[in-house]
């Protein structure tokens, strides 16, 4: 073969080989990465649906946003969510199913303190990270290795209320608490912290979660002449108490816990809600926060995104699950699909600015919030929230 022809042949062969390699390379598709499977257990239906429904919605919304941006290191998030209906037995069954059948890497929820306390032994034994959406300080105190929580604790809420009423010159109070895990934990804090603040508790009354009339308890309280009443519970009981006080003509201030920090309470209580004061997450007054507040921009985006998708008012309760999944996403980015490493990375998170506050976890603190950053005092005025400055 002549030299020129041989060179042309080699050039043509090289071009054909290049075309083949390029086309072969383009034809190959990168294998999709396995999803990171995360569990959720919320009271989506039943009496605590005002907690669980926005929690489920928020978790699904955030998962959609993360997946739209490419997932976590290329891994999409796959959610497996069960409805506990606020029932401890169903929470236990759902937790076992998530661990044994669904093989999730971590769990967000449950919605309530009682259901969370019921599942803690299960996740601790199975060594699966749990980020609770419930308030009781007993969930993370004493610290449990595999259990974290995103809501502000009742310890913080009581201290916030007590700080405020001290400034109002009140030192003689009555407490009225619901007979469940949330109410029991709040009542304990109200009693324990009262001595530190120098308060005299003249009445210590209880009510059932399904009670529809608290006039007997309020009649007793009125006779003891407190300067204020503190109610600790979640809907519908606290709204009944507000209405009963109005009906009885009891004019002293009524303070509520953060357990009623949603529009649902105002709907249930009607005009009896006006004037009620409570500690709440900043989400209720996001528009009124100064621009310098590190949470403001994050809160406003969450509110906009949530209300655009679900066509309903946002609540701080949904933010508990949003924060839970955001915290998990940060841990997954560093830990991958290793439960023990996920747990370790959650514990290292320091400075995550979320819906419920700024989280600074540590081996000694699995809630990571403080009352001054996580709470503001708000008053209900004409059916809306007004920040107390």
Protein backbone atom coordinates (compact mmCIF):
# COMPACT_ATOMS: atom_id res chain seq x y z
CA UNK A 1 0.00 0.00 0.00
CA UNK A 2 1.35 3.39 -0.95
CA UNK A 3 2.35 5.74 1.82
CA UNK A 4 -0.37 8.35 1.07
CA UNK A 5 -3.12 5.79 0.87
CA UNK A 6 -1.97 4.23 4.13
CA UNK A 7 -2.09 7.61 5.88
CA UNK A 8 -5.60 8.27 4.55
CA UNK A 9 -6.67 4.85 5.71
CA UNK A 10 -5.31 5.43 9.20
CA UNK A 11 -7.01 8.82 9.43
CA UNK A 12 -10.33 7.35 8.29
CA UNK A 13 -10.03 4.46 10.76
CA UNK A 14 -9.25 6.87 13.54
CA UNK A 15 -12.27 8.99 12.70
CA UNK A 16 -14.55 5.96 12.59
CA UNK A 17 -13.18 4.76 15.93
CA UNK A 18 -13.74 8.19 17.46
CA UNK A 19 -17.31 8.29 16.17
CA UNK A 20 -17.91 4.80 17.56
CA UNK A 21 -16.50 5.68 20.97
CA UNK A 22 -18.48 8.94 21.18
CA UNK A 23 -21.74 7.30 20.13
CA UNK A 24 -21.12 4.39 22.47
CA UNK A 25 -20.39 6.80 25.32
CA UNK A 26 -23.50 8.87 24.61
CA UNK A 27 -25.63 5.77 24.51
CA UNK A 28 -24.64 4.76 28.01
CA UNK A 29 -26.88 6.16 30.71
CA UNK A 30 -25.59 6.61 34.24
CA UNK A 31 -27.34 4.23 36.61
CA UNK A 32 -29.68 6.11 38.99
CA UNK A 33 -28.56 6.12 42.60
CA UNK A 34 -30.61 4.26 45.18
CA UNK A 35 -33.08 6.44 47.09
CA UNK A 36 -32.61 7.36 50.72
CA UNK A 37 -35.74 5.99 52.39
CA UNK A 38 -37.06 8.11 55.28
CA UNK A 39 -40.06 7.27 57.49
CA UNK A 40 -42.73 9.59 58.85
CA UNK A 41 -45.36 8.87 61.51
CA UNK A 42 -47.90 11.60 62.11
CA UNK A 43 -51.40 12.06 63.51
CA UNK A 44 -52.77 12.86 60.05
CA UNK A 45 -56.35 12.05 61.04
CA UNK A 46 -58.13 12.01 64.39
CA UNK A 47 -58.23 14.62 67.17
CA UNK A 48 -54.60 15.68 66.65
CA UNK A 49 -54.85 16.08 62.86
CA UNK A 50 -54.16 19.82 63.29
CA UNK A 51 -50.64 18.64 64.16
CA UNK A 52 -50.13 15.70 61.82
CA UNK A 53 -51.63 16.97 58.59
CA UNK A 54 -49.33 20.02 58.25
CA UNK A 55 -46.40 17.86 59.36
CA UNK A 56 -47.08 15.33 56.60
CA UNK A 57 -47.62 18.12 54.07
CA UNK A 58 -44.41 19.91 55.02
CA UNK A 59 -42.31 16.77 54.83
CA UNK A 60 -43.68 15.92 51.38
CA UNK A 61 -43.15 19.49 50.15
CA UNK A 62 -39.53 19.56 51.26
CA UNK A 63 -38.82 16.11 49.79
CA UNK A 64 -40.19 17.33 46.44
CA UNK A 65 -37.94 20.39 46.56
CA UNK A 66 -34.83 18.38 47.46
CA UNK A 67 -35.51 15.83 44.71
CA UNK A 68 -36.14 18.58 42.14
CA UNK A 69 -32.64 19.87 42.90
CA UNK A 70 -31.05 16.46 42.34
CA UNK A 71 -31.56 14.82 45.71
CA UNK A 72 -28.79 14.34 48.27
CA UNK A 73 -25.49 13.62 46.50
CA UNK A 74 -27.60 12.28 43.64
CA UNK A 75 -29.79 10.09 45.86
CA UNK A 76 -33.50 10.96 45.75
CA UNK A 77 -35.47 10.97 48.99
CA UNK A 78 -38.22 8.38 49.22
CA UNK A 79 -40.78 8.97 51.97
CA UNK A 80 -42.79 6.25 53.69
CA UNK A 81 -45.45 7.91 55.86
CA UNK A 82 -48.03 6.30 58.15
CA UNK A 83 -50.98 7.78 60.03
CA UNK A 84 -50.95 7.11 63.79
CA UNK A 85 -54.29 8.90 64.34
CA UNK A 86 -52.61 10.16 67.52
CA UNK A 87 -52.83 6.67 69.03
CA UNK A 88 -49.85 5.15 70.87
CA UNK A 89 -50.59 1.57 69.76
CA UNK A 90 -50.76 2.59 66.11
CA UNK A 91 -47.57 4.60 66.52
CA UNK A 92 -45.78 1.51 67.84
CA UNK A 93 -47.09 -0.66 65.00
CA UNK A 94 -46.08 1.94 62.40
CA UNK A 95 -42.61 2.33 63.87
CA UNK A 96 -42.01 -1.42 63.80
CA UNK A 97 -43.22 -1.55 60.20
CA UNK A 98 -40.94 1.30 59.13
CA UNK A 99 -37.92 -0.42 60.68
CA UNK A 100 -38.58 -4.09 59.90
CA UNK A 101 -40.46 -3.96 56.57
CA UNK A 102 -39.58 -0.63 54.97
CA UNK A 103 -35.99 -0.52 56.23
CA UNK A 104 -35.92 3.26 56.58
CA UNK A 105 -32.73 5.07 57.47
CA UNK A 106 -34.43 7.41 59.97
CA UNK A 107 -37.88 8.49 61.17
CA UNK A 108 -39.51 11.92 61.59
CA UNK A 109 -42.37 12.05 64.12
CA UNK A 110 -44.58 11.19 65.93
CA UNK A 111 -46.76 14.28 66.36
CA UNK A 112 -47.65 13.88 70.04
CA UNK A 113 -45.66 13.51 73.25
CA UNK A 114 -47.46 10.34 74.34
CA UNK A 115 -46.96 8.57 71.02
CA UNK A 116 -43.31 9.63 70.92
CA UNK A 117 -42.63 8.28 74.40
CA UNK A 118 -44.26 5.00 73.34
CA UNK A 119 -41.91 4.47 70.38
CA UNK A 120 -38.64 5.59 71.97
CA UNK A 121 -37.76 2.10 73.32
CA UNK A 122 -38.25 0.65 69.82
CA UNK A 123 -35.93 3.06 67.98
CA UNK A 124 -33.36 2.89 70.76
CA UNK A 125 -33.25 -0.91 70.56
CA UNK A 126 -33.17 -0.93 66.74
CA UNK A 127 -30.63 1.92 66.66
CA UNK A 128 -32.62 4.03 64.20
CA UNK A 129 -32.46 7.86 64.41
CA UNK A 130 -35.79 9.45 65.39
CA UNK A 131 -36.55 13.17 65.18
CA UNK A 132 -39.76 13.79 67.14
CA UNK A 133 -42.30 16.51 66.37
CA UNK A 134 -43.60 16.59 69.97
CA UNK A 135 -42.99 19.06 72.78
CA UNK A 136 -42.41 17.22 76.06
CA UNK A 137 -38.96 17.73 77.55
CA UNK A 138 -39.06 14.06 78.61
CA UNK A 139 -38.45 13.07 74.99
CA UNK A 140 -34.85 14.28 75.08
CA UNK A 141 -34.21 14.68 78.82
CA UNK A 142 -32.38 12.66 79.85
CA UNK A 143 -30.62 12.33 76.50
CA UNK A 144 -31.40 9.18 74.52
CA UNK A 145 -28.71 8.24 72.01
CA UNK A 146 -31.00 7.83 68.98
CA UNK A 147 -33.73 10.38 69.77
CA UNK A 148 -33.85 14.07 68.82
CA UNK A 149 -36.70 16.60 68.61
CA UNK A 150 -37.45 19.85 66.76
CA UNK A 151 -40.25 21.58 68.75
CA UNK A 152 -39.46 23.96 71.57
CA UNK A 153 -39.77 22.19 74.95
CA UNK A 154 -42.34 22.85 77.64
CA UNK A 155 -39.44 23.86 79.92
CA UNK A 156 -38.74 26.79 77.59
CA UNK A 157 -42.43 27.62 77.12
CA UNK A 158 -43.12 27.77 80.86
CA UNK A 159 -40.04 29.92 81.45
CA UNK A 160 -41.11 32.28 78.66
CA UNK A 161 -44.60 32.69 80.16
CA UNK A 162 -43.23 33.11 83.68
CA UNK A 163 -40.71 35.72 82.50
CA UNK A 164 -43.54 37.70 80.92
CA UNK A 165 -46.06 37.55 83.75
CA UNK A 166 -43.35 38.58 86.19
CA UNK A 167 -43.07 41.82 84.21
CA UNK A 168 -46.84 42.26 84.65
CA UNK A 169 -46.64 42.17 88.44
CA UNK A 170 -48.51 38.86 88.68
CA UNK A 171 -47.54 36.43 91.43
CA UNK A 172 -50.76 34.54 92.22
CA UNK A 173 -51.80 32.11 89.49
CA UNK A 174 -54.07 29.16 88.74
CA UNK A 175 -53.12 26.34 86.37
CA UNK A 176 -55.46 24.20 84.31
CA UNK A 177 -53.80 21.32 82.43
CA UNK A 178 -54.93 18.49 80.17
CA UNK A 179 -54.67 14.91 81.43
CA UNK A 180 -52.25 13.46 78.87
CA UNK A 181 -48.49 13.30 78.32
CA UNK A 182 -48.28 16.86 77.00
CA UNK A 183 -50.35 18.25 79.87
CA UNK A 184 -48.56 16.17 82.51
CA UNK A 185 -45.16 17.40 81.37
CA UNK A 186 -46.35 21.02 81.22
CA UNK A 187 -47.97 20.78 84.64
CA UNK A 188 -44.74 19.43 86.11
CA UNK A 189 -42.82 22.39 84.72
CA UNK A 190 -45.42 24.91 85.89
CA UNK A 191 -45.20 23.53 89.41
CA UNK A 192 -41.42 23.11 89.52
CA UNK A 193 -40.53 26.50 88.07
CA UNK A 194 -43.09 28.44 90.15
CA UNK A 195 -40.85 28.40 93.21
CA UNK A 196 -37.94 29.89 91.29
CA UNK A 197 -40.13 32.80 90.18
CA UNK A 198 -41.82 33.19 93.56
CA UNK A 199 -45.34 32.43 92.27
CA UNK A 200 -48.15 31.15 94.44
CA UNK A 201 -50.23 28.53 92.64
CA UNK A 202 -53.64 28.82 94.26
CA UNK A 203 -55.37 26.24 92.05
CA UNK A 204 -54.14 23.15 90.21
CA UNK A 205 -57.01 21.80 88.10
CA UNK A 206 -57.11 19.15 85.34
CA UNK A 207 -59.35 18.42 82.37
CA UNK A 208 -59.72 15.46 80.02
CA UNK A 209 -58.66 15.61 76.34
CA UNK A 210 -62.28 15.10 75.25
CA UNK A 211 -64.00 17.26 77.89
CA UNK A 212 -66.48 19.76 76.49
CA UNK A 213 -67.22 21.87 79.59
CA UNK A 214 -64.70 23.21 82.11
CA UNK A 215 -67.06 25.49 84.05
CA UNK A 216 -66.74 23.40 87.26
CA UNK A 217 -62.95 23.84 87.31
CA UNK A 218 -63.20 27.52 86.39
CA UNK A 219 -65.82 28.15 89.08
CA UNK A 220 -63.43 26.72 91.68
CA UNK A 221 -60.58 28.81 90.31
CA UNK A 222 -62.61 32.04 90.37
CA UNK A 223 -63.39 31.55 94.06
CA UNK A 224 -59.64 31.43 94.84
CA UNK A 225 -59.05 34.84 93.19
CA UNK A 226 -55.87 34.27 91.14
CA UNK A 227 -54.44 37.13 89.11
CA UNK A 228 -54.11 34.96 85.99
CA UNK A 229 -54.88 31.49 84.64
CA UNK A 230 -52.40 29.38 82.68
CA UNK A 231 -53.93 26.65 80.52
CA UNK A 232 -51.77 23.80 79.19
CA UNK A 233 -53.22 21.65 76.43
CA UNK A 234 -53.93 21.20 72.75
CA UNK A 235 -57.18 21.64 70.86
CA UNK A 236 -60.06 21.49 71.48
CA UNK A 237 -59.86 21.79 75.32
CA UNK A 238 -58.07 25.15 75.53
CA UNK A 239 -60.66 26.71 73.19
CA UNK A 240 -63.45 25.38 75.42
CA UNK A 241 -61.76 27.00 78.42
CA UNK A 242 -61.53 30.35 76.63
CA UNK A 243 -65.26 30.20 75.81
CA UNK A 244 -66.20 29.08 79.34
CA UNK A 245 -64.24 31.97 80.86
CA UNK A 246 -66.13 34.37 78.60
CA UNK A 247 -69.46 32.78 79.57
CA UNK A 248 -68.64 33.00 83.29
CA UNK A 249 -67.46 36.60 82.99
CA UNK A 250 -63.96 35.82 84.29
CA UNK A 251 -61.90 38.84 83.29
CA UNK A 252 -58.41 37.93 84.50
CA UNK A 253 -55.73 37.20 81.86
CA UNK A 254 -55.64 33.75 80.25
CA UNK A 255 -52.29 32.42 79.10
CA UNK A 256 -51.99 29.39 76.85
CA UNK A 257 -49.15 27.05 75.92
CA UNK A 258 -47.49 26.79 72.51
CA UNK A 259 -49.75 23.77 71.98
CA UNK A 260 -52.43 26.10 70.57
CA UNK A 261 -50.16 28.14 68.30
CA UNK A 262 -52.22 27.74 65.13
CA UNK A 263 -55.18 29.36 63.41
CA UNK A 264 -57.24 26.31 64.37
CA UNK A 265 -57.33 27.48 67.98
CA UNK A 266 -58.61 30.91 66.95
CA UNK A 267 -61.29 29.26 64.78
CA UNK A 268 -62.42 27.07 67.68
CA UNK A 269 -62.38 29.80 70.34
CA UNK A 270 -63.92 32.53 68.18
CA UNK A 271 -63.98 35.99 69.76
CA UNK A 272 -63.16 34.40 73.14
CA UNK A 273 -59.60 34.05 71.83
CA UNK A 274 -59.05 37.81 71.79
CA UNK A 275 -56.56 38.96 74.41
CA UNK A 276 -55.09 35.50 75.06
CA UNK A 277 -51.28 35.51 75.35
CA UNK A 278 -48.92 32.61 74.63
CA UNK A 279 -45.36 31.75 73.65
CA UNK A 280 -45.08 30.80 69.98
CA UNK A 281 -42.56 30.14 67.26
CA UNK A 282 -41.71 33.14 65.13
CA UNK A 283 -43.58 31.72 62.15
CA UNK A 284 -46.86 33.22 63.43
CA UNK A 285 -45.43 36.73 63.18
CA UNK A 286 -42.82 36.28 60.46
CA UNK A 287 -43.82 39.43 58.56
CA UNK A 288 -43.36 41.55 61.70
CA UNK A 289 -39.84 40.33 62.43
CA UNK A 290 -36.97 42.74 61.80
CA UNK A 291 -35.04 42.08 58.58
CA UNK A 292 -31.99 41.35 60.71
CA UNK A 293 -33.65 38.26 62.22
CA UNK A 294 -31.85 35.20 60.74
CA UNK A 295 -35.10 33.21 60.57
CA UNK A 296 -37.20 35.79 58.72
CA UNK A 297 -36.26 34.96 55.12
CA UNK A 298 -36.47 31.20 55.74
CA UNK A 299 -39.86 31.53 57.43
CA UNK A 300 -41.29 33.68 54.66
CA UNK A 301 -40.19 31.26 51.93
CA UNK A 302 -41.65 28.31 53.82
CA UNK A 303 -44.95 30.16 54.30
CA UNK A 304 -45.13 31.15 50.63
CA UNK A 305 -44.27 27.67 49.33
CA UNK A 306 -46.61 25.87 51.73
CA UNK A 307 -49.62 28.11 51.18
CA UNK A 308 -49.13 28.08 47.39
CA UNK A 309 -49.14 24.27 47.30
CA UNK A 310 -51.80 23.44 49.89
CA UNK A 311 -54.06 26.52 49.70
CA UNK A 312 -54.28 26.73 53.49
CA UNK A 313 -52.72 28.76 56.28
CA UNK A 314 -49.37 27.57 57.51
CA UNK A 315 -48.75 26.59 61.16
CA UNK A 316 -45.65 26.14 63.26
CA UNK A 317 -46.55 22.47 63.68
CA UNK A 318 -45.72 21.73 60.06
CA UNK A 319 -42.40 23.43 60.64
CA UNK A 320 -41.46 20.70 63.12
CA UNK A 321 -41.43 18.09 60.35
CA UNK A 322 -39.80 20.50 57.88
CA UNK A 323 -36.93 21.02 60.31
CA UNK A 324 -36.75 17.29 60.97
CA UNK A 325 -36.22 16.45 57.30
CA UNK A 326 -33.85 19.38 56.75
CA UNK A 327 -31.72 18.17 59.66
CA UNK A 328 -31.73 14.64 58.24
CA UNK A 329 -30.78 15.94 54.80
CA UNK A 330 -27.73 17.70 56.26
CA UNK A 331 -26.73 14.52 58.09
CA UNK A 332 -27.30 12.29 55.04
CA UNK A 333 -25.10 14.51 52.89
CA UNK A 334 -22.12 13.63 55.11
CA UNK A 335 -23.10 10.19 56.42
CA UNK A 336 -24.69 8.43 53.46
CA UNK A 337 -26.94 5.46 54.18
CA UNK A 338 -25.37 4.49 57.51
CA UNK A 339 -27.78 4.89 60.45
CA UNK A 340 -25.06 5.21 63.06
CA UNK A 341 -23.21 7.86 61.05
CA UNK A 342 -26.50 9.71 60.44
CA UNK A 343 -27.07 9.82 64.20
CA UNK A 344 -23.55 11.11 64.76
CA UNK A 345 -23.90 13.83 62.11
CA UNK A 346 -27.22 15.06 63.56
CA UNK A 347 -25.54 15.45 66.93
CA UNK A 348 -22.84 17.63 65.31
CA UNK A 349 -25.25 20.10 63.68
CA UNK A 350 -24.53 23.54 65.11
CA UNK A 351 -26.25 26.65 63.76
CA UNK A 352 -28.94 25.28 61.44
CA UNK A 353 -31.48 28.10 61.05
CA UNK A 354 -34.88 26.45 60.86
CA UNK A 355 -38.58 27.11 61.25
CA UNK A 356 -38.63 26.51 65.01
CA UNK A 357 -35.39 28.30 65.82
CA UNK A 358 -31.63 27.97 65.48
CA UNK A 359 -30.52 24.43 66.28
CA UNK A 360 -27.30 23.70 68.13
CA UNK A 361 -27.19 20.00 68.93
CA UNK A 362 -24.57 18.36 71.10
CA UNK A 363 -24.09 15.06 72.96
CA UNK A 364 -25.70 16.79 75.96
CA UNK A 365 -28.59 18.44 74.06
CA UNK A 366 -30.75 16.61 71.49
CA UNK A 367 -33.20 19.51 71.10
CA UNK A 368 -30.67 22.25 70.41
CA UNK A 369 -32.94 25.27 70.98
CA UNK A 370 -33.14 28.03 73.58
CA UNK A 371 -36.23 29.96 74.67
CA UNK A 372 -35.02 33.41 73.69
CA UNK A 373 -34.28 32.50 70.06
CA UNK A 374 -37.07 29.97 69.57
CA UNK A 375 -40.02 31.79 71.16
CA UNK A 376 -41.73 35.14 71.05
CA UNK A 377 -44.72 36.14 73.16
CA UNK A 378 -47.82 36.83 71.10
CA UNK A 379 -51.30 38.18 71.82
CA UNK A 380 -54.42 37.34 69.83
CA UNK A 381 -56.04 40.56 68.60
CA UNK A 382 -59.11 40.56 66.35
CA UNK A 383 -58.51 36.96 65.35
CA UNK A 384 -54.85 37.40 64.48
CA UNK A 385 -51.41 37.17 66.10
CA UNK A 386 -49.66 40.26 67.39
CA UNK A 387 -46.08 40.11 68.63
CA UNK A 388 -45.52 41.51 72.11
CA UNK A 389 -42.36 43.64 72.04
